[in-house]
PDB file of all heavy atoms in Angstrom:
ATOM      1  N   TYR A   1    -109.186 -24.090  54.919  1.00  0.00           N
ATOM      2  CA  TYR A   1    -107.982 -24.910  55.022  1.00  0.00           C
ATOM      3  C   TYR A   1    -108.132 -26.046  56.032  1.00  0.00           C
ATOM      4  O   TYR A   1    -107.172 -26.731  56.343  1.00  0.00           O
ATOM      5  CB  TYR A   1    -106.778 -24.034  55.391  1.00  0.00           C
ATOM      6  CG  TYR A   1    -106.452 -23.046  54.304  1.00  0.00           C
ATOM      7  CD1 TYR A   1    -106.809 -21.716  54.424  1.00  0.00           C
ATOM      8  CD2 TYR A   1    -105.821 -23.459  53.129  1.00  0.00           C
ATOM      9  CE1 TYR A   1    -106.528 -20.806  53.412  1.00  0.00           C
ATOM     10  CE2 TYR A   1    -105.541 -22.565  52.114  1.00  0.00           C
ATOM     11  CZ  TYR A   1    -105.901 -21.243  52.268  1.00  0.00           C
ATOM     12  OH  TYR A   1    -105.634 -20.364  51.266  1.00  0.00           O
ATOM     13  N   GLY A   2    -109.328 -26.219  56.566  1.00  0.00           N
ATOM     14  CA  GLY A   2    -109.594 -27.322  57.472  1.00  0.00           C
ATOM     15  C   GLY A   2    -108.968 -27.193  58.852  1.00  0.00           C
ATOM     16  O   GLY A   2    -108.723 -28.186  59.511  1.00  0.00           O
ATOM     17  N   ARG A   3    -108.733 -25.972  59.296  1.00  0.00           N
ATOM     18  CA  ARG A   3    -108.153 -25.777  60.627  1.00  0.00           C
ATOM     19  C   ARG A   3    -109.250 -25.736  61.681  1.00  0.00           C
ATOM     20  O   ARG A   3    -110.249 -25.047  61.512  1.00  0.00           O
ATOM     21  CB  ARG A   3    -107.354 -24.488  60.673  1.00  0.00           C
ATOM     22  CG  ARG A   3    -106.074 -24.594  59.876  1.00  0.00           C
ATOM     23  CD  ARG A   3    -105.248 -23.361  60.057  1.00  0.00           C
ATOM     24  NE  ARG A   3    -104.956 -22.887  58.708  1.00  0.00           N
ATOM     25  CZ  ARG A   3    -104.640 -21.660  58.404  1.00  0.00           C
ATOM     26  NH1 ARG A   3    -104.550 -20.753  59.331  1.00  0.00           N
ATOM     27  NH2 ARG A   3    -104.385 -21.322  57.171  1.00  0.00           N
ATOM     28  N   VAL A   4    -109.023 -26.468  62.760  1.00  0.00           N
ATOM     29  CA  VAL A   4    -109.980 -26.503  63.859  1.00  0.00           C
ATOM     30  C   VAL A   4    -109.273 -26.165  65.166  1.00  0.00           C
ATOM     31  O   VAL A   4    -108.049 -26.218  65.258  1.00  0.00           O
ATOM     32  CB  VAL A   4    -110.690 -27.875  63.973  1.00  0.00           C
ATOM     33  CG1 VAL A   4    -111.424 -28.206  62.698  1.00  0.00           C
ATOM     34  CG2 VAL A   4    -109.720 -28.972  64.330  1.00  0.00           C
ATOM     35  N   LYS A   5    -110.068 -25.841  66.173  1.00  0.00           N
ATOM     36  CA  LYS A   5    -109.533 -25.485  67.473  1.00  0.00           C
ATOM     37  C   LYS A   5    -110.409 -26.123  68.542  1.00  0.00           C
ATOM     38  O   LYS A   5    -111.597 -26.346  68.326  1.00  0.00           O
ATOM     39  CB  LYS A   5    -109.557 -23.962  67.622  1.00  0.00           C
ATOM     40  CG  LYS A   5    -108.896 -23.441  68.857  1.00  0.00           C
ATOM     41  CD  LYS A   5    -108.886 -21.927  68.844  1.00  0.00           C
ATOM     42  CE  LYS A   5    -108.195 -21.413  70.086  1.00  0.00           C
ATOM     43  NZ  LYS A   5    -108.164 -19.959  70.126  1.00  0.00           N
ATOM     44  N   ASP A   6    -109.831 -26.398  69.680  1.00  0.00           N
ATOM     45  CA  ASP A   6    -110.564 -26.918  70.835  1.00  0.00           C
ATOM     46  C   ASP A   6    -111.251 -28.244  70.546  1.00  0.00           C
ATOM     47  O   ASP A   6    -112.353 -28.495  71.012  1.00  0.00           O
ATOM     48  CB  ASP A   6    -111.605 -25.898  71.331  1.00  0.00           C
ATOM     49  CG  ASP A   6    -110.999 -24.556  71.661  1.00  0.00           C
ATOM     50  OD1 ASP A   6    -109.907 -24.554  72.272  1.00  0.00           O
ATOM     51  OD2 ASP A   6    -111.579 -23.523  71.302  1.00  0.00           O
ATOM     52  N   ARG A   7    -110.618 -29.109  69.777  1.00  0.00           N
ATOM     53  CA  ARG A   7    -111.212 -30.400  69.434  1.00  0.00           C
ATOM     54  C   ARG A   7    -111.062 -31.371  70.592  1.00  0.00           C
ATOM     55  O   ARG A   7    -109.979 -31.548  71.128  1.00  0.00           O
ATOM     56  CB  ARG A   7    -110.534 -30.988  68.204  1.00  0.00           C
ATOM     57  CG  ARG A   7    -111.201 -32.245  67.706  1.00  0.00           C
ATOM     58  CD  ARG A   7    -110.456 -32.814  66.493  1.00  0.00           C
ATOM     59  NE  ARG A   7    -111.194 -33.842  65.817  1.00  0.00           N
ATOM     60  CZ  ARG A   7    -111.376 -35.084  66.281  1.00  0.00           C
ATOM     61  NH1 ARG A   7    -110.859 -35.422  67.449  1.00  0.00           N
ATOM     62  NH2 ARG A   7    -112.061 -35.968  65.602  1.00  0.00           N
ATOM     63  N   LYS A   8    -112.187 -31.985  70.966  1.00  0.00           N
ATOM     64  CA  LYS A   8    -112.177 -32.994  72.026  1.00  0.00           C
ATOM     65  C   LYS A   8    -113.097 -34.137  71.654  1.00  0.00           C
ATOM     66  O   LYS A   8    -114.068 -33.944  70.933  1.00  0.00           O
ATOM     67  CB  LYS A   8    -112.640 -32.393  73.357  1.00  0.00           C
ATOM     68  CG  LYS A   8    -111.648 -31.471  74.007  1.00  0.00           C
ATOM     69  CD  LYS A   8    -112.086 -31.116  75.413  1.00  0.00           C
ATOM     70  CE  LYS A   8    -111.079 -30.198  76.072  1.00  0.00           C
ATOM     71  NZ  LYS A   8    -111.473 -29.849  77.435  1.00  0.00           N
ATOM     72  N   GLU A   9    -112.766 -35.320  72.182  1.00  0.00           N
ATOM     73  CA  GLU A   9    -113.599 -36.505  72.009  1.00  0.00           C
ATOM     74  C   GLU A   9    -114.151 -36.923  73.362  1.00  0.00           C
ATOM     75  O   GLU A   9    -113.465 -36.831  74.372  1.00  0.00           O
ATOM     76  CB  GLU A   9    -112.794 -37.661  71.423  1.00  0.00           C
ATOM     77  CG  GLU A   9    -112.421 -37.481  69.987  1.00  0.00           C
ATOM     78  CD  GLU A   9    -111.765 -38.710  69.393  1.00  0.00           C
ATOM     79  OE1 GLU A   9    -111.866 -39.806  69.985  1.00  0.00           O
ATOM     80  OE2 GLU A   9    -111.143 -38.572  68.336  1.00  0.00           O
ATOM     81  N   PHE A  10    -115.381 -37.411  73.344  1.00  0.00           N
ATOM     82  CA  PHE A  10    -116.059 -37.828  74.562  1.00  0.00           C
ATOM     83  C   PHE A  10    -116.730 -39.178  74.347  1.00  0.00           C
ATOM     84  O   PHE A  10    -117.217 -39.464  73.255  1.00  0.00           O
ATOM     85  CB  PHE A  10    -117.153 -36.820  74.954  1.00  0.00           C
ATOM     86  CG  PHE A  10    -116.640 -35.437  75.218  1.00  0.00           C
ATOM     87  CD1 PHE A  10    -116.499 -34.529  74.190  1.00  0.00           C
ATOM     88  CD2 PHE A  10    -116.302 -35.050  76.500  1.00  0.00           C
ATOM     89  CE1 PHE A  10    -116.036 -33.249  74.430  1.00  0.00           C
ATOM     90  CE2 PHE A  10    -115.842 -33.770  76.752  1.00  0.00           C
ATOM     91  CZ  PHE A  10    -115.698 -32.869  75.713  1.00  0.00           C
ATOM     92  N   LYS A  11    -116.797 -39.970  75.398  1.00  0.00           N
ATOM     93  CA  LYS A  11    -117.579 -41.204  75.365  1.00  0.00           C
ATOM     94  C   LYS A  11    -119.040 -40.911  75.690  1.00  0.00           C
ATOM     95  O   LYS A  11    -119.930 -41.623  75.248  1.00  0.00           O
ATOM     96  CB  LYS A  11    -117.039 -42.220  76.375  1.00  0.00           C
ATOM     97  CG  LYS A  11    -115.711 -42.806  75.984  1.00  0.00           C
ATOM     98  CD  LYS A  11    -115.275 -43.837  77.014  1.00  0.00           C
ATOM     99  CE  LYS A  11    -113.932 -44.422  76.627  1.00  0.00           C
ATOM    100  NZ  LYS A  11    -113.469 -45.406  77.619  1.00  0.00           N
ATOM    101  N   ASP A  12    -119.276 -39.867  76.465  1.00  0.00           N
ATOM    102  CA  ASP A  12    -120.618 -39.519  76.923  1.00  0.00           C
ATOM    103  C   ASP A  12    -121.202 -38.381  76.083  1.00  0.00           C
ATOM    104  O   ASP A  12    -120.579 -37.318  75.955  1.00  0.00           O
ATOM    105  CB  ASP A  12    -120.564 -39.115  78.396  1.00  0.00           C
ATOM    106  CG  ASP A  12    -121.923 -38.776  78.944  1.00  0.00           C
ATOM    107  OD1 ASP A  12    -122.784 -39.670  78.977  1.00  0.00           O
ATOM    108  OD2 ASP A  12    -122.121 -37.601  79.335  1.00  0.00           O
ATOM    109  N   ILE A  13    -122.388 -38.601  75.550  1.00  0.00           N
ATOM    110  CA  ILE A  13    -123.020 -37.606  74.686  1.00  0.00           C
ATOM    111  C   ILE A  13    -123.352 -36.314  75.432  1.00  0.00           C
ATOM    112  O   ILE A  13    -123.265 -35.225  74.872  1.00  0.00           O
ATOM    113  CB  ILE A  13    -124.279 -38.199  74.005  1.00  0.00           C
ATOM    114  CG1 ILE A  13    -124.749 -37.305  72.865  1.00  0.00           C
ATOM    115  CG2 ILE A  13    -125.381 -38.466  75.018  1.00  0.00           C
ATOM    116  CD1 ILE A  13    -125.802 -37.933  71.995  1.00  0.00           C
ATOM    117  N   ASN A  14    -123.702 -36.422  76.711  1.00  0.00           N
ATOM    118  CA  ASN A  14    -124.054 -35.224  77.473  1.00  0.00           C
ATOM    119  C   ASN A  14    -122.837 -34.372  77.809  1.00  0.00           C
ATOM    120  O   ASN A  14    -122.927 -33.146  77.821  1.00  0.00           O
ATOM    121  CB  ASN A  14    -124.823 -35.604  78.740  1.00  0.00           C
ATOM    122  CG  ASN A  14    -126.185 -36.178  78.411  1.00  0.00           C
ATOM    123  OD1 ASN A  14    -126.863 -35.709  77.504  1.00  0.00           O
ATOM    124  ND2 ASN A  14    -126.569 -37.203  79.128  1.00  0.00           N
ATOM    125  N   LEU A  15    -121.702 -35.001  78.054  1.00  0.00           N
ATOM    126  CA  LEU A  15    -120.469 -34.238  78.270  1.00  0.00           C
ATOM    127  C   LEU A  15    -120.069 -33.506  76.987  1.00  0.00           C
ATOM    128  O   LEU A  15    -119.616 -32.357  77.029  1.00  0.00           O
ATOM    129  CB  LEU A  15    -119.338 -35.157  78.723  1.00  0.00           C
ATOM    130  CG  LEU A  15    -119.461 -35.733  80.130  1.00  0.00           C
ATOM    131  CD1 LEU A  15    -118.326 -36.722  80.396  1.00  0.00           C
ATOM    132  CD2 LEU A  15    -119.470 -34.632  81.165  1.00  0.00           C
ATOM    133  N   ALA A  16    -120.246 -34.167  75.853  1.00  0.00           N
ATOM    134  CA  ALA A  16    -119.937 -33.536  74.570  1.00  0.00           C
ATOM    135  C   ALA A  16    -120.872 -32.355  74.311  1.00  0.00           C
ATOM    136  O   ALA A  16    -120.425 -31.292  73.862  1.00  0.00           O
ATOM    137  CB  ALA A  16    -120.035 -34.557  73.447  1.00  0.00           C
ATOM    138  N   ALA A  17    -122.147 -32.521  74.604  1.00  0.00           N
ATOM    139  CA  ALA A  17    -123.112 -31.431  74.413  1.00  0.00           C
ATOM    140  C   ALA A  17    -122.787 -30.251  75.313  1.00  0.00           C
ATOM    141  O   ALA A  17    -122.869 -29.090  74.892  1.00  0.00           O
ATOM    142  CB  ALA A  17    -124.521 -31.944  74.677  1.00  0.00           C
ATOM    143  N   ASP A  18    -122.405 -30.535  76.542  1.00  0.00           N
ATOM    144  CA  ASP A  18    -122.049 -29.468  77.472  1.00  0.00           C
ATOM    145  C   ASP A  18    -120.810 -28.711  76.989  1.00  0.00           C
ATOM    146  O   ASP A  18    -120.751 -27.482  77.066  1.00  0.00           O
ATOM    147  CB  ASP A  18    -121.822 -30.049  78.874  1.00  0.00           C
ATOM    148  CG  ASP A  18    -121.688 -28.964  79.921  1.00  0.00           C
ATOM    149  OD1 ASP A  18    -122.614 -28.124  80.022  1.00  0.00           O
ATOM    150  OD2 ASP A  18    -120.664 -28.950  80.627  1.00  0.00           O
ATOM    151  N   TYR A  19    -119.834 -29.432  76.470  1.00  0.00           N
ATOM    152  CA  TYR A  19    -118.626 -28.795  75.948  1.00  0.00           C
ATOM    153  C   TYR A  19    -118.961 -27.926  74.730  1.00  0.00           C
ATOM    154  O   TYR A  19    -118.466 -26.801  74.601  1.00  0.00           O
ATOM    155  CB  TYR A  19    -117.592 -29.861  75.590  1.00  0.00           C
ATOM    156  CG  TYR A  19    -116.308 -29.302  75.057  1.00  0.00           C
ATOM    157  CD1 TYR A  19    -115.477 -28.533  75.856  1.00  0.00           C
ATOM    158  CD2 TYR A  19    -115.920 -29.537  73.746  1.00  0.00           C
ATOM    159  CE1 TYR A  19    -114.294 -28.002  75.370  1.00  0.00           C
ATOM    160  CE2 TYR A  19    -114.736 -29.024  73.250  1.00  0.00           C
ATOM    161  CZ  TYR A  19    -113.924 -28.250  74.063  1.00  0.00           C
ATOM    162  OH  TYR A  19    -112.764 -27.732  73.570  1.00  0.00           O
ATOM    163  N   LEU A  20    -119.821 -28.425  73.851  1.00  0.00           N
ATOM    164  CA  LEU A  20    -120.239 -27.645  72.686  1.00  0.00           C
ATOM    165  C   LEU A  20    -120.931 -26.358  73.127  1.00  0.00           C
ATOM    166  O   LEU A  20    -120.653 -25.285  72.595  1.00  0.00           O
ATOM    167  CB  LEU A  20    -121.172 -28.464  71.799  1.00  0.00           C
ATOM    168  CG  LEU A  20    -121.785 -27.694  70.637  1.00  0.00           C
ATOM    169  CD1 LEU A  20    -120.734 -27.431  69.571  1.00  0.00           C
ATOM    170  CD2 LEU A  20    -122.950 -28.422  70.057  1.00  0.00           C
ATOM    171  N   TRP A  21    -121.814 -26.470  74.102  1.00  0.00           N
ATOM    172  CA  TRP A  21    -122.532 -25.300  74.604  1.00  0.00           C
ATOM    173  C   TRP A  21    -121.551 -24.275  75.181  1.00  0.00           C
ATOM    174  O   TRP A  21    -121.704 -23.073  74.990  1.00  0.00           O
ATOM    175  CB  TRP A  21    -123.555 -25.751  75.642  1.00  0.00           C
ATOM    176  CG  TRP A  21    -124.502 -24.689  76.058  1.00  0.00           C
ATOM    177  CD1 TRP A  21    -124.632 -24.168  77.306  1.00  0.00           C
ATOM    178  CD2 TRP A  21    -125.470 -24.011  75.252  1.00  0.00           C
ATOM    179  NE1 TRP A  21    -125.622 -23.211  77.329  1.00  0.00           N
ATOM    180  CE2 TRP A  21    -126.145 -23.094  76.078  1.00  0.00           C
ATOM    181  CE3 TRP A  21    -125.822 -24.084  73.914  1.00  0.00           C
ATOM    182  CZ2 TRP A  21    -127.154 -22.265  75.606  1.00  0.00           C
ATOM    183  CZ3 TRP A  21    -126.830 -23.258  73.447  1.00  0.00           C
ATOM    184  CH2 TRP A  21    -127.480 -22.367  74.283  1.00  0.00           C
ATOM    185  N   GLU A  22    -120.536 -24.765  75.872  1.00  0.00           N
ATOM    186  CA  GLU A  22    -119.498 -23.886  76.439  1.00  0.00           C
ATOM    187  C   GLU A  22    -118.714 -23.189  75.320  1.00  0.00           C
ATOM    188  O   GLU A  22    -118.474 -21.980  75.382  1.00  0.00           O
ATOM    189  CB  GLU A  22    -118.563 -24.725  77.297  1.00  0.00           C
ATOM    190  CG  GLU A  22    -117.427 -23.982  77.924  1.00  0.00           C
ATOM    191  CD  GLU A  22    -116.476 -24.921  78.643  1.00  0.00           C
ATOM    192  OE1 GLU A  22    -116.953 -25.809  79.374  1.00  0.00           O
ATOM    193  OE2 GLU A  22    -115.253 -24.773  78.454  1.00  0.00           O
ATOM    194  N   LEU A  23    -118.311 -23.949  74.296  1.00  0.00           N
ATOM    195  CA  LEU A  23    -117.587 -23.349  73.175  1.00  0.00           C
ATOM    196  C   LEU A  23    -118.439 -22.307  72.448  1.00  0.00           C
ATOM    197  O   LEU A  23    -117.951 -21.265  72.033  1.00  0.00           O
ATOM    198  CB  LEU A  23    -117.168 -24.417  72.160  1.00  0.00           C
ATOM    199  CG  LEU A  23    -115.985 -25.292  72.478  1.00  0.00           C
ATOM    200  CD1 LEU A  23    -115.765 -26.289  71.340  1.00  0.00           C
ATOM    201  CD2 LEU A  23    -114.730 -24.480  72.694  1.00  0.00           C
ATOM    202  N   PHE A  24    -119.698 -22.626  72.272  1.00  0.00           N
ATOM    203  CA  PHE A  24    -120.644 -21.755  71.569  1.00  0.00           C
ATOM    204  C   PHE A  24    -120.809 -20.426  72.283  1.00  0.00           C
ATOM    205  O   PHE A  24    -120.975 -19.388  71.653  1.00  0.00           O
ATOM    206  CB  PHE A  24    -121.983 -22.488  71.435  1.00  0.00           C
ATOM    207  CG  PHE A  24    -123.093 -21.659  70.889  1.00  0.00           C
ATOM    208  CD1 PHE A  24    -123.102 -21.263  69.560  1.00  0.00           C
ATOM    209  CD2 PHE A  24    -124.153 -21.276  71.697  1.00  0.00           C
ATOM    210  CE1 PHE A  24    -124.149 -20.500  69.060  1.00  0.00           C
ATOM    211  CE2 PHE A  24    -125.194 -20.527  71.207  1.00  0.00           C
ATOM    212  CZ  PHE A  24    -125.189 -20.135  69.875  1.00  0.00           C
ATOM    213  N   GLY A  25    -120.763 -20.435  73.596  1.00  0.00           N
ATOM    214  CA  GLY A  25    -120.921 -19.211  74.366  1.00  0.00           C
ATOM    215  C   GLY A  25    -122.144 -19.231  75.264  1.00  0.00           C
ATOM    216  O   GLY A  25    -122.451 -18.229  75.910  1.00  0.00           O
TER     217      GLY A  25
END
């Protein structure tokens, strides 16, 4: 159904990668 959670946007690729790693566990 296209539901997402914890969606964030970043200007910096490294901040986005760090957030993904945190979400992943």
